[in-house]
mmCIF file of all heavy atoms, coordinates in Angstrom:
data_MODEL
# 
_entry.id   MODEL 
# 
loop_
_atom_site.group_PDB 
_atom_site.id 
_atom_site.type_symbol 
_atom_site.label_atom_id 
_atom_site.label_alt_id 
_atom_site.label_comp_id 
_atom_site.label_asym_id 
_atom_site.label_entity_id 
_atom_site.label_seq_id 
_atom_site.pdbx_PDB_ins_code 
_atom_site.Cartn_x 
_atom_site.Cartn_y 
_atom_site.Cartn_z 
_atom_site.occupancy 
_atom_site.B_iso_or_equiv 
_atom_site.pdbx_formal_charge 
_atom_site.auth_seq_id 
_atom_site.auth_comp_id 
_atom_site.auth_asym_id 
_atom_site.auth_atom_id 
_atom_site.pdbx_PDB_model_num 
ATOM 1   N N   . VAL A 1 1  ? 0.864  -1.171 0.000   1.00 0.00 ? 1  VAL A N   1 
ATOM 2   C CA  . VAL A 1 1  ? -0.015 0.019  0.007   1.00 0.00 ? 1  VAL A CA  1 
ATOM 3   C C   . VAL A 1 1  ? 0.900  1.227  -0.006  1.00 0.00 ? 1  VAL A C   1 
ATOM 4   O O   . VAL A 1 1  ? 1.594  1.507  0.997   1.00 0.00 ? 1  VAL A O   1 
ATOM 5   C CB  . VAL A 1 1  ? -0.942 0.027  1.228   1.00 0.00 ? 1  VAL A CB  1 
ATOM 6   C CG1 . VAL A 1 1  ? -1.818 1.270  1.168   1.00 0.00 ? 1  VAL A CG1 1 
ATOM 7   C CG2 . VAL A 1 1  ? -1.766 -1.222 1.312   1.00 0.00 ? 1  VAL A CG2 1 
ATOM 8   N N   . TYR A 1 2  ? 0.930  1.939  -1.116  1.00 0.00 ? 2  TYR A N   1 
ATOM 9   C CA  . TYR A 1 2  ? 1.883  3.047  -1.215  1.00 0.00 ? 2  TYR A CA  1 
ATOM 10  C C   . TYR A 1 2  ? 1.502  4.191  -0.274  1.00 0.00 ? 2  TYR A C   1 
ATOM 11  O O   . TYR A 1 2  ? 0.330  4.433  -0.001  1.00 0.00 ? 2  TYR A O   1 
ATOM 12  C CB  . TYR A 1 2  ? 1.931  3.561  -2.647  1.00 0.00 ? 2  TYR A CB  1 
ATOM 13  C CG  . TYR A 1 2  ? 2.525  2.546  -3.593  1.00 0.00 ? 2  TYR A CG  1 
ATOM 14  C CD1 . TYR A 1 2  ? 1.706  1.811  -4.459  1.00 0.00 ? 2  TYR A CD1 1 
ATOM 15  C CD2 . TYR A 1 2  ? 3.875  2.247  -3.578  1.00 0.00 ? 2  TYR A CD2 1 
ATOM 16  C CE1 . TYR A 1 2  ? 2.239  0.856  -5.321  1.00 0.00 ? 2  TYR A CE1 1 
ATOM 17  C CE2 . TYR A 1 2  ? 4.413  1.281  -4.411  1.00 0.00 ? 2  TYR A CE2 1 
ATOM 18  C CZ  . TYR A 1 2  ? 3.594  0.594  -5.286  1.00 0.00 ? 2  TYR A CZ  1 
ATOM 19  O OH  . TYR A 1 2  ? 4.114  -0.377 -6.107  1.00 0.00 ? 2  TYR A OH  1 
ATOM 20  N N   . ASN A 1 3  ? 2.528  4.865  0.253   1.00 0.00 ? 3  ASN A N   1 
ATOM 21  C CA  . ASN A 1 3  ? 2.292  5.943  1.200   1.00 0.00 ? 3  ASN A CA  1 
ATOM 22  C C   . ASN A 1 3  ? 1.462  7.061  0.551   1.00 0.00 ? 3  ASN A C   1 
ATOM 23  O O   . ASN A 1 3  ? 1.722  7.470  -0.573  1.00 0.00 ? 3  ASN A O   1 
ATOM 24  C CB  . ASN A 1 3  ? 3.643  6.550  1.642   1.00 0.00 ? 3  ASN A CB  1 
ATOM 25  C CG  . ASN A 1 3  ? 4.324  5.717  2.675   1.00 0.00 ? 3  ASN A CG  1 
ATOM 26  O OD1 . ASN A 1 3  ? 3.693  4.928  3.373   1.00 0.00 ? 3  ASN A OD1 1 
ATOM 27  N ND2 . ASN A 1 3  ? 5.626  5.890  2.827   1.00 0.00 ? 3  ASN A ND2 1 
ATOM 28  N N   . PRO A 1 4  ? 0.468  7.559  1.266   1.00 0.00 ? 4  PRO A N   1 
ATOM 29  C CA  . PRO A 1 4  ? -0.311 8.693  0.751   1.00 0.00 ? 4  PRO A CA  1 
ATOM 30  C C   . PRO A 1 4  ? 0.505  9.967  0.819   1.00 0.00 ? 4  PRO A C   1 
ATOM 31  O O   . PRO A 1 4  ? 1.429  10.093 1.619   1.00 0.00 ? 4  PRO A O   1 
ATOM 32  C CB  . PRO A 1 4  ? -1.503 8.761  1.728   1.00 0.00 ? 4  PRO A CB  1 
ATOM 33  C CG  . PRO A 1 4  ? -0.951 8.236  2.997   1.00 0.00 ? 4  PRO A CG  1 
ATOM 34  C CD  . PRO A 1 4  ? 0.029  7.154  2.603   1.00 0.00 ? 4  PRO A CD  1 
ATOM 35  N N   . ILE A 1 5  ? 0.198  10.912 -0.062  1.00 0.00 ? 5  ILE A N   1 
ATOM 36  C CA  . ILE A 1 5  ? 0.854  12.193 -0.004  1.00 0.00 ? 5  ILE A CA  1 
ATOM 37  C C   . ILE A 1 5  ? -0.126 13.272 -0.495  1.00 0.00 ? 5  ILE A C   1 
ATOM 38  O O   . ILE A 1 5  ? -0.904 13.013 -1.421  1.00 0.00 ? 5  ILE A O   1 
ATOM 39  C CB  . ILE A 1 5  ? 2.144  12.203 -0.868  1.00 0.00 ? 5  ILE A CB  1 
ATOM 40  C CG1 . ILE A 1 5  ? 3.009  13.404 -0.526  1.00 0.00 ? 5  ILE A CG1 1 
ATOM 41  C CG2 . ILE A 1 5  ? 1.864  12.100 -2.351  1.00 0.00 ? 5  ILE A CG2 1 
ATOM 42  C CD1 . ILE A 1 5  ? 4.459  13.247 -1.001  1.00 0.00 ? 5  ILE A CD1 1 
ATOM 43  N N   . VAL A 1 6  ? -0.124 14.404 0.162   1.00 0.00 ? 6  VAL A N   1 
ATOM 44  C CA  . VAL A 1 6  ? -0.972 15.510 -0.208  1.00 0.00 ? 6  VAL A CA  1 
ATOM 45  C C   . VAL A 1 6  ? -0.099 16.761 -0.292  1.00 0.00 ? 6  VAL A C   1 
ATOM 46  O O   . VAL A 1 6  ? 0.463  17.196 0.724   1.00 0.00 ? 6  VAL A O   1 
ATOM 47  C CB  . VAL A 1 6  ? -2.086 15.736 0.876   1.00 0.00 ? 6  VAL A CB  1 
ATOM 48  C CG1 . VAL A 1 6  ? -3.017 16.869 0.434   1.00 0.00 ? 6  VAL A CG1 1 
ATOM 49  C CG2 . VAL A 1 6  ? -2.884 14.469 1.077   1.00 0.00 ? 6  VAL A CG2 1 
ATOM 50  N N   . ILE A 1 7  ? 0.008  17.348 -1.473  1.00 0.00 ? 7  ILE A N   1 
ATOM 51  C CA  . ILE A 1 7  ? 0.890  18.513 -1.669  1.00 0.00 ? 7  ILE A CA  1 
ATOM 52  C C   . ILE A 1 7  ? 0.093  19.623 -2.307  1.00 0.00 ? 7  ILE A C   1 
ATOM 53  O O   . ILE A 1 7  ? -0.657 19.429 -3.274  1.00 0.00 ? 7  ILE A O   1 
ATOM 54  C CB  . ILE A 1 7  ? 2.063  18.136 -2.621  1.00 0.00 ? 7  ILE A CB  1 
ATOM 55  C CG1 . ILE A 1 7  ? 2.967  17.083 -1.978  1.00 0.00 ? 7  ILE A CG1 1 
ATOM 56  C CG2 . ILE A 1 7  ? 2.882  19.376 -2.971  1.00 0.00 ? 7  ILE A CG2 1 
ATOM 57  C CD1 . ILE A 1 7  ? 3.756  17.539 -0.767  1.00 0.00 ? 7  ILE A CD1 1 
ATOM 58  N N   . ASP A 1 8  ? 0.207  20.840 -1.774  1.00 0.00 ? 8  ASP A N   1 
ATOM 59  C CA  . ASP A 1 8  ? -0.368 22.008 -2.383  1.00 0.00 ? 8  ASP A CA  1 
ATOM 60  C C   . ASP A 1 8  ? 0.494  22.432 -3.563  1.00 0.00 ? 8  ASP A C   1 
ATOM 61  O O   . ASP A 1 8  ? 1.722  22.599 -3.413  1.00 0.00 ? 8  ASP A O   1 
ATOM 62  C CB  . ASP A 1 8  ? -0.483 23.154 -1.383  1.00 0.00 ? 8  ASP A CB  1 
ATOM 63  C CG  . ASP A 1 8  ? -1.411 22.814 -0.242  1.00 0.00 ? 8  ASP A CG  1 
ATOM 64  O OD1 . ASP A 1 8  ? -2.412 22.134 -0.510  1.00 0.00 ? 8  ASP A OD1 1 
ATOM 65  O OD2 . ASP A 1 8  ? -1.131 23.204 0.922   1.00 0.00 ? 8  ASP A OD2 1 
ATOM 66  N N   . LYS A 1 9  ? -0.097 22.576 -4.735  1.00 0.00 ? 9  LYS A N   1 
ATOM 67  C CA  . LYS A 1 9  ? 0.690  22.932 -5.919  1.00 0.00 ? 9  LYS A CA  1 
ATOM 68  C C   . LYS A 1 9  ? 1.239  24.381 -5.791  1.00 0.00 ? 9  LYS A C   1 
ATOM 69  O O   . LYS A 1 9  ? 0.574  25.284 -5.335  1.00 0.00 ? 9  LYS A O   1 
ATOM 70  C CB  . LYS A 1 9  ? -0.184 22.845 -7.175  1.00 0.00 ? 9  LYS A CB  1 
ATOM 71  C CG  . LYS A 1 9  ? -0.768 21.463 -7.450  1.00 0.00 ? 9  LYS A CG  1 
ATOM 72  C CD  . LYS A 1 9  ? 0.349  20.443 -7.678  1.00 0.00 ? 9  LYS A CD  1 
ATOM 73  C CE  . LYS A 1 9  ? -0.242 19.054 -7.993  1.00 0.00 ? 9  LYS A CE  1 
ATOM 74  N NZ  . LYS A 1 9  ? 0.794  18.048 -8.186  1.00 0.00 ? 9  LYS A NZ  1 
ATOM 75  N N   . VAL A 1 10 ? 2.484  24.513 -6.244  1.00 0.00 ? 10 VAL A N   1 
ATOM 76  C CA  . VAL A 1 10 ? 3.161  25.822 -6.163  1.00 0.00 ? 10 VAL A CA  1 
ATOM 77  C C   . VAL A 1 10 ? 3.773  26.096 -7.529  1.00 0.00 ? 10 VAL A C   1 
ATOM 78  O O   . VAL A 1 10 ? 4.297  25.234 -8.189  1.00 0.00 ? 10 VAL A O   1 
ATOM 79  C CB  . VAL A 1 10 ? 4.253  25.807 -5.091  1.00 0.00 ? 10 VAL A CB  1 
ATOM 80  C CG1 . VAL A 1 10 ? 4.949  27.163 -4.991  1.00 0.00 ? 10 VAL A CG1 1 
ATOM 81  C CG2 . VAL A 1 10 ? 3.696  25.391 -3.739  1.00 0.00 ? 10 VAL A CG2 1 
ATOM 82  N N   . ASP A 1 11 ? 3.670  27.340 -7.965  1.00 0.00 ? 11 ASP A N   1 
ATOM 83  C CA  . ASP A 1 11 ? 4.285  27.721 -9.263  1.00 0.00 ? 11 ASP A CA  1 
ATOM 84  C C   . ASP A 1 11 ? 5.808  27.654 -9.134  1.00 0.00 ? 11 ASP A C   1 
ATOM 85  O O   . ASP A 1 11 ? 6.381  28.201 -8.218  1.00 0.00 ? 11 ASP A O   1 
ATOM 86  C CB  . ASP A 1 11 ? 3.901  29.161 -9.660  1.00 0.00 ? 11 ASP A CB  1 
ATOM 87  C CG  . ASP A 1 11 ? 2.407  29.240 -10.010 1.00 0.00 ? 11 ASP A CG  1 
ATOM 88  O OD1 . ASP A 1 11 ? 1.856  28.205 -10.402 1.00 0.00 ? 11 ASP A OD1 1 
ATOM 89  O OD2 . ASP A 1 11 ? 1.840  30.321 -9.870  1.00 0.00 ? 11 ASP A OD2 1 
ATOM 90  N N   . LYS A 1 12 ? 6.411  26.978 -10.105 1.00 0.00 ? 12 LYS A N   1 
ATOM 91  C CA  . LYS A 1 12 ? 7.880  26.835 -10.113 1.00 0.00 ? 12 LYS A CA  1 
ATOM 92  C C   . LYS A 1 12 ? 8.535  28.115 -10.586 1.00 0.00 ? 12 LYS A C   1 
ATOM 93  O O   . LYS A 1 12 ? 8.120  28.744 -11.546 1.00 0.00 ? 12 LYS A O   1 
ATOM 94  C CB  . LYS A 1 12 ? 8.272  25.669 -10.988 1.00 0.00 ? 12 LYS A CB  1 
ATOM 95  C CG  . LYS A 1 12 ? 9.793  25.439 -11.040 1.00 0.00 ? 12 LYS A CG  1 
ATOM 96  C CD  . LYS A 1 12 ? 10.120 24.185 -11.762 1.00 0.00 ? 12 LYS A CD  1 
ATOM 97  C CE  . LYS A 1 12 ? 11.583 24.066 -12.135 1.00 0.00 ? 12 LYS A CE  1 
ATOM 98  N NZ  . LYS A 1 12 ? 12.492 24.545 -11.147 1.00 0.00 ? 12 LYS A NZ  1 
ATOM 99  N N   . LYS A 1 13 ? 9.601  28.518 -9.911  1.00 0.00 ? 13 LYS A N   1 
ATOM 100 C CA  . LYS A 1 13 ? 10.322 29.729 -10.300 1.00 0.00 ? 13 LYS A CA  1 
ATOM 101 C C   . LYS A 1 13 ? 11.626 29.306 -10.987 1.00 0.00 ? 13 LYS A C   1 
ATOM 102 O O   . LYS A 1 13 ? 12.341 28.427 -10.516 1.00 0.00 ? 13 LYS A O   1 
ATOM 103 C CB  . LYS A 1 13 ? 10.672 30.552 -9.040  1.00 0.00 ? 13 LYS A CB  1 
ATOM 104 C CG  . LYS A 1 13 ? 9.434  31.010 -8.256  1.00 0.00 ? 13 LYS A CG  1 
ATOM 105 C CD  . LYS A 1 13 ? 9.818  31.693 -6.966  1.00 0.00 ? 13 LYS A CD  1 
ATOM 106 C CE  . LYS A 1 13 ? 8.609  32.048 -6.176  1.00 0.00 ? 13 LYS A CE  1 
ATOM 107 N NZ  . LYS A 1 13 ? 8.943  32.652 -4.869  1.00 0.00 ? 13 LYS A NZ  1 
ATOM 108 N N   . GLU A 1 14 ? 11.898 29.957 -12.085 1.00 0.00 ? 14 GLU A N   1 
ATOM 109 C CA  . GLU A 1 14 ? 13.144 29.679 -12.819 1.00 0.00 ? 14 GLU A CA  1 
ATOM 110 C C   . GLU A 1 14 ? 14.288 30.496 -12.222 1.00 0.00 ? 14 GLU A C   1 
ATOM 111 O O   . GLU A 1 14 ? 14.197 31.735 -12.121 1.00 0.00 ? 14 GLU A O   1 
ATOM 112 C CB  . GLU A 1 14 ? 12.997 30.020 -14.298 1.00 0.00 ? 14 GLU A CB  1 
ATOM 113 C CG  . GLU A 1 14 ? 11.973 29.140 -15.026 1.00 0.00 ? 14 GLU A CG  1 
ATOM 114 C CD  . GLU A 1 14 ? 12.386 27.669 -15.068 1.00 0.00 ? 14 GLU A CD  1 
ATOM 115 O OE1 . GLU A 1 14 ? 13.602 27.414 -14.970 1.00 0.00 ? 14 GLU A OE1 1 
ATOM 116 O OE2 . GLU A 1 14 ? 11.501 26.834 -15.176 1.00 0.00 ? 14 GLU A OE2 1 
ATOM 117 N N   . ILE A 1 15 ? 15.350 29.847 -11.767 1.00 0.00 ? 15 ILE A N   1 
ATOM 118 C CA  . ILE A 1 15 ? 16.498 30.526 -11.168 1.00 0.00 ? 15 ILE A CA  1 
ATOM 119 C C   . ILE A 1 15 ? 17.748 30.003 -11.829 1.00 0.00 ? 15 ILE A C   1 
ATOM 120 O O   . ILE A 1 15 ? 17.914 28.814 -12.010 1.00 0.00 ? 15 ILE A O   1 
ATOM 121 C CB  . ILE A 1 15 ? 16.535 30.266 -9.639  1.00 0.00 ? 15 ILE A CB  1 
ATOM 122 C CG1 . ILE A 1 15 ? 15.330 30.860 -8.967  1.00 0.00 ? 15 ILE A CG1 1 
ATOM 123 C CG2 . ILE A 1 15 ? 17.815 30.846 -9.038  1.00 0.00 ? 15 ILE A CG2 1 
ATOM 124 C CD1 . ILE A 1 15 ? 15.265 30.608 -7.474  1.00 0.00 ? 15 ILE A CD1 1 
ATOM 125 N N   . LYS A 1 16 ? 18.638 30.927 -12.175 1.00 0.00 ? 16 LYS A N   1 
ATOM 126 C CA  . LYS A 1 16 ? 19.970 30.563 -12.724 1.00 0.00 ? 16 LYS A CA  1 
ATOM 127 C C   . LYS A 1 16 ? 21.017 31.083 -11.784 1.00 0.00 ? 16 LYS A C   1 
ATOM 128 O O   . LYS A 1 16 ? 20.864 32.133 -11.173 1.00 0.00 ? 16 LYS A O   1 
ATOM 129 C CB  . LYS A 1 16 ? 20.148 31.160 -14.121 1.00 0.00 ? 16 LYS A CB  1 
ATOM 130 C CG  . LYS A 1 16 ? 19.128 30.641 -15.139 1.00 0.00 ? 16 LYS A CG  1 
ATOM 131 C CD  . LYS A 1 16 ? 19.243 29.173 -15.346 1.00 0.00 ? 16 LYS A CD  1 
ATOM 132 C CE  . LYS A 1 16 ? 18.181 28.660 -16.308 1.00 0.00 ? 16 LYS A CE  1 
ATOM 133 N NZ  . LYS A 1 16 ? 18.212 27.174 -16.457 1.00 0.00 ? 16 LYS A NZ  1 
ATOM 134 N N   . PRO A 1 17 ? 22.131 30.368 -11.586 1.00 0.00 ? 17 PRO A N   1 
ATOM 135 C CA  . PRO A 1 17 ? 22.573 29.146 -12.234 1.00 0.00 ? 17 PRO A CA  1 
ATOM 136 C C   . PRO A 1 17 ? 21.670 27.945 -11.872 1.00 0.00 ? 17 PRO A C   1 
ATOM 137 O O   . PRO A 1 17 ? 20.671 28.107 -11.154 1.00 0.00 ? 17 PRO A O   1 
ATOM 138 C CB  . PRO A 1 17 ? 23.961 28.936 -11.675 1.00 0.00 ? 17 PRO A CB  1 
ATOM 139 C CG  . PRO A 1 17 ? 23.925 29.599 -10.344 1.00 0.00 ? 17 PRO A CG  1 
ATOM 140 C CD  . PRO A 1 17 ? 23.059 30.798 -10.519 1.00 0.00 ? 17 PRO A CD  1 
ATOM 141 N N   . ILE A 1 18 ? 22.053 26.761 -12.365 1.00 0.00 ? 18 ILE A N   1 
ATOM 142 C CA  . ILE A 1 18 ? 21.289 25.574 -12.021 1.00 0.00 ? 18 ILE A CA  1 
ATOM 143 C C   . ILE A 1 18 ? 21.264 25.388 -10.499 1.00 0.00 ? 18 ILE A C   1 
ATOM 144 O O   . ILE A 1 18 ? 22.305 25.403 -9.842  1.00 0.00 ? 18 ILE A O   1 
ATOM 145 C CB  . ILE A 1 18 ? 21.934 24.329 -12.673 1.00 0.00 ? 18 ILE A CB  1 
ATOM 146 C CG1 . ILE A 1 18 ? 21.790 24.386 -14.211 1.00 0.00 ? 18 ILE A CG1 1 
ATOM 147 C CG2 . ILE A 1 18 ? 21.254 23.024 -12.184 1.00 0.00 ? 18 ILE A CG2 1 
ATOM 148 C CD1 . ILE A 1 18 ? 22.517 23.301 -14.933 1.00 0.00 ? 18 ILE A CD1 1 
ATOM 149 N N   . ILE A 1 19 ? 20.083 25.229 -9.946  1.00 0.00 ? 19 ILE A N   1 
ATOM 150 C CA  . ILE A 1 19 ? 19.911 25.082 -8.523  1.00 0.00 ? 19 ILE A CA  1 
ATOM 151 C C   . ILE A 1 19 ? 19.575 23.608 -8.202  1.00 0.00 ? 19 ILE A C   1 
ATOM 152 O O   . ILE A 1 19 ? 18.600 23.061 -8.696  1.00 0.00 ? 19 ILE A O   1 
ATOM 153 C CB  . ILE A 1 19 ? 18.765 25.992 -7.957  1.00 0.00 ? 19 ILE A CB  1 
ATOM 154 C CG1 . ILE A 1 19 ? 19.099 27.432 -8.276  1.00 0.00 ? 19 ILE A CG1 1 
ATOM 155 C CG2 . ILE A 1 19 ? 18.612 25.734 -6.467  1.00 0.00 ? 19 ILE A CG2 1 
ATOM 156 C CD1 . ILE A 1 19 ? 20.356 27.966 -7.654  1.00 0.00 ? 19 ILE A CD1 1 
ATOM 157 N N   . LEU A 1 20 ? 20.428 23.008 -7.372  1.00 0.00 ? 20 LEU A N   1 
ATOM 158 C CA  . LEU A 1 20 ? 20.190 21.656 -6.901  1.00 0.00 ? 20 LEU A CA  1 
ATOM 159 C C   . LEU A 1 20 ? 19.777 21.733 -5.406  1.00 0.00 ? 20 LEU A C   1 
ATOM 160 O O   . LEU A 1 20 ? 20.191 22.650 -4.726  1.00 0.00 ? 20 LEU A O   1 
ATOM 161 C CB  . LEU A 1 20 ? 21.445 20.803 -7.000  1.00 0.00 ? 20 LEU A CB  1 
ATOM 162 C CG  . LEU A 1 20 ? 22.108 20.694 -8.370  1.00 0.00 ? 20 LEU A CG  1 
ATOM 163 C CD1 . LEU A 1 20 ? 23.361 19.816 -8.293  1.00 0.00 ? 20 LEU A CD1 1 
ATOM 164 C CD2 . LEU A 1 20 ? 21.144 20.118 -9.381  1.00 0.00 ? 20 LEU A CD2 1 
ATOM 165 N N   . MET A 1 21 ? 18.969 20.760 -4.975  1.00 0.00 ? 21 MET A N   1 
ATOM 166 C CA  . MET A 1 21 ? 18.532 20.775 -3.585  1.00 0.00 ? 21 MET A CA  1 
ATOM 167 C C   . MET A 1 21 ? 18.436 19.343 -3.084  1.00 0.00 ? 21 MET A C   1 
ATOM 168 O O   . MET A 1 21 ? 18.104 18.422 -3.834  1.00 0.00 ? 21 MET A O   1 
ATOM 169 C CB  . MET A 1 21 ? 17.139 21.470 -3.462  1.00 0.00 ? 21 MET A CB  1 
ATOM 170 C CG  . MET A 1 21 ? 16.701 21.701 -2.054  1.00 0.00 ? 21 MET A CG  1 
ATOM 171 S SD  . MET A 1 21 ? 15.129 22.617 -2.011  1.00 0.00 ? 21 MET A SD  1 
ATOM 172 C CE  . MET A 1 21 ? 15.673 24.197 -2.677  1.00 0.00 ? 21 MET A CE  1 
ATOM 173 N N   . SER A 1 22 ? 18.805 19.153 -1.808  1.00 0.00 ? 22 SER A N   1 
ATOM 174 C CA  . SER A 1 22 ? 18.681 17.861 -1.150  1.00 0.00 ? 22 SER A CA  1 
ATOM 175 C C   . SER A 1 22 ? 18.235 18.075 0.261   1.00 0.00 ? 22 SER A C   1 
ATOM 176 O O   . SER A 1 22 ? 18.424 19.133 0.848   1.00 0.00 ? 22 SER A O   1 
ATOM 177 C CB  . SER A 1 22 ? 20.051 17.118 -1.159  1.00 0.00 ? 22 SER A CB  1 
ATOM 178 O OG  . SER A 1 22 ? 20.490 16.849 -2.437  1.00 0.00 ? 22 SER A OG  1 
ATOM 179 N N   . ALA A 1 23 ? 17.621 17.022 0.871   1.00 0.00 ? 23 ALA A N   1 
ATOM 180 C CA  . ALA A 1 23 ? 17.259 17.022 2.282   1.00 0.00 ? 23 ALA A CA  1 
ATOM 181 C C   . ALA A 1 23 ? 17.572 15.659 2.810   1.00 0.00 ? 23 ALA A C   1 
ATOM 182 O O   . ALA A 1 23 ? 16.844 14.721 2.571   1.00 0.00 ? 23 ALA A O   1 
ATOM 183 C CB  . ALA A 1 23 ? 15.754 17.361 2.444   1.00 0.00 ? 23 ALA A CB  1 
ATOM 184 N N   . THR A 1 24 ? 18.670 15.537 3.545   1.00 0.00 ? 24 THR A N   1 
ATOM 185 C CA  . THR A 1 24 ? 19.133 14.199 3.922   1.00 0.00 ? 24 THR A CA  1 
ATOM 186 C C   . THR A 1 24 ? 20.204 14.279 4.954   1.00 0.00 ? 24 THR A C   1 
ATOM 187 O O   . THR A 1 24 ? 20.887 15.290 5.095   1.00 0.00 ? 24 THR A O   1 
ATOM 188 C CB  . THR A 1 24 ? 19.682 13.455 2.676   1.00 0.00 ? 24 THR A CB  1 
ATOM 189 O OG1 . THR A 1 24 ? 20.105 12.147 3.061   1.00 0.00 ? 24 THR A OG1 1 
ATOM 190 C CG2 . THR A 1 24 ? 20.849 14.195 2.089   1.00 0.00 ? 24 THR A CG2 1 
ATOM 191 N N   . ARG A 1 25 ? 20.363 13.211 5.756   1.00 0.00 ? 25 ARG A N   1 
ATOM 192 C CA  . ARG A 1 25 ? 21.592 13.050 6.525   1.00 0.00 ? 25 ARG A CA  1 
ATOM 193 C C   . ARG A 1 25 ? 22.707 12.716 5.570   1.00 0.00 ? 25 ARG A C   1 
ATOM 194 O O   . ARG A 1 25 ? 22.486 12.133 4.502   1.00 0.00 ? 25 ARG A O   1 
ATOM 195 C CB  . ARG A 1 25 ? 21.409 11.952 7.590   1.00 0.00 ? 25 ARG A CB  1 
ATOM 196 C CG  . ARG A 1 25 ? 20.434 12.393 8.694   1.00 0.00 ? 25 ARG A CG  1 
ATOM 197 C CD  . ARG A 1 25 ? 20.406 11.345 9.810   1.00 0.00 ? 25 ARG A CD  1 
ATOM 198 N NE  . ARG A 1 25 ? 19.790 10.126 9.394   1.00 0.00 ? 25 ARG A NE  1 
ATOM 199 C CZ  . ARG A 1 25 ? 18.460 9.918  9.348   1.00 0.00 ? 25 ARG A CZ  1 
ATOM 200 N NH1 . ARG A 1 25 ? 17.623 10.890 9.705   1.00 0.00 ? 25 ARG A NH1 1 
ATOM 201 N NH2 . ARG A 1 25 ? 17.961 8.752  8.965   1.00 0.00 ? 25 ARG A NH2 1 
ATOM 202 N N   . LEU A 1 26 ? 23.920 13.003 5.940   1.00 0.00 ? 26 LEU A N   1 
ATOM 203 C CA  . LEU A 1 26 ? 25.054 12.796 5.040   1.00 0.00 ? 26 LEU A CA  1 
ATOM 204 C C   . LEU A 1 26 ? 25.959 11.686 5.583   1.00 0.00 ? 26 LEU A C   1 
ATOM 205 O O   . LEU A 1 26 ? 26.955 11.927 6.236   1.00 0.00 ? 26 LEU A O   1 
ATOM 206 C CB  . LEU A 1 26 ? 25.849 14.100 4.861   1.00 0.00 ? 26 LEU A CB  1 
ATOM 207 C CG  . LEU A 1 26 ? 25.072 15.180 4.102   1.00 0.00 ? 26 LEU A CG  1 
ATOM 208 C CD1 . LEU A 1 26 ? 25.864 16.495 4.064   1.00 0.00 ? 26 LEU A CD1 1 
ATOM 209 C CD2 . LEU A 1 26 ? 24.765 14.738 2.677   1.00 0.00 ? 26 LEU A CD2 1 
ATOM 210 N N   . ASN A 1 27 ? 25.545 10.449 5.315   1.00 0.00 ? 27 ASN A N   1 
ATOM 211 C CA  . ASN A 1 27 ? 26.372 9.283  5.600   1.00 0.00 ? 27 ASN A CA  1 
ATOM 212 C C   . ASN A 1 27 ? 26.305 8.373  4.378   1.00 0.00 ? 27 ASN A C   1 
ATOM 213 O O   . ASN A 1 27 ? 25.629 8.648  3.428   1.00 0.00 ? 27 ASN A O   1 
ATOM 214 C CB  . ASN A 1 27 ? 25.921 8.585  6.900   1.00 0.00 ? 27 ASN A CB  1 
ATOM 215 C CG  . ASN A 1 27 ? 24.474 8.220  6.872   1.00 0.00 ? 27 ASN A CG  1 
ATOM 216 O OD1 . ASN A 1 27 ? 23.939 7.772  5.847   1.00 0.00 ? 27 ASN A OD1 1 
ATOM 217 N ND2 . ASN A 1 27 ? 23.826 8.364  8.001   1.00 0.00 ? 27 ASN A ND2 1 
# 
């Protein structure tokens, strides 16, 4: 049974340079 998810849609903003993002412990 896949995890449910509910997300409010947000307009994506274009930003330069290339923007990378992560959310994690670093091991």
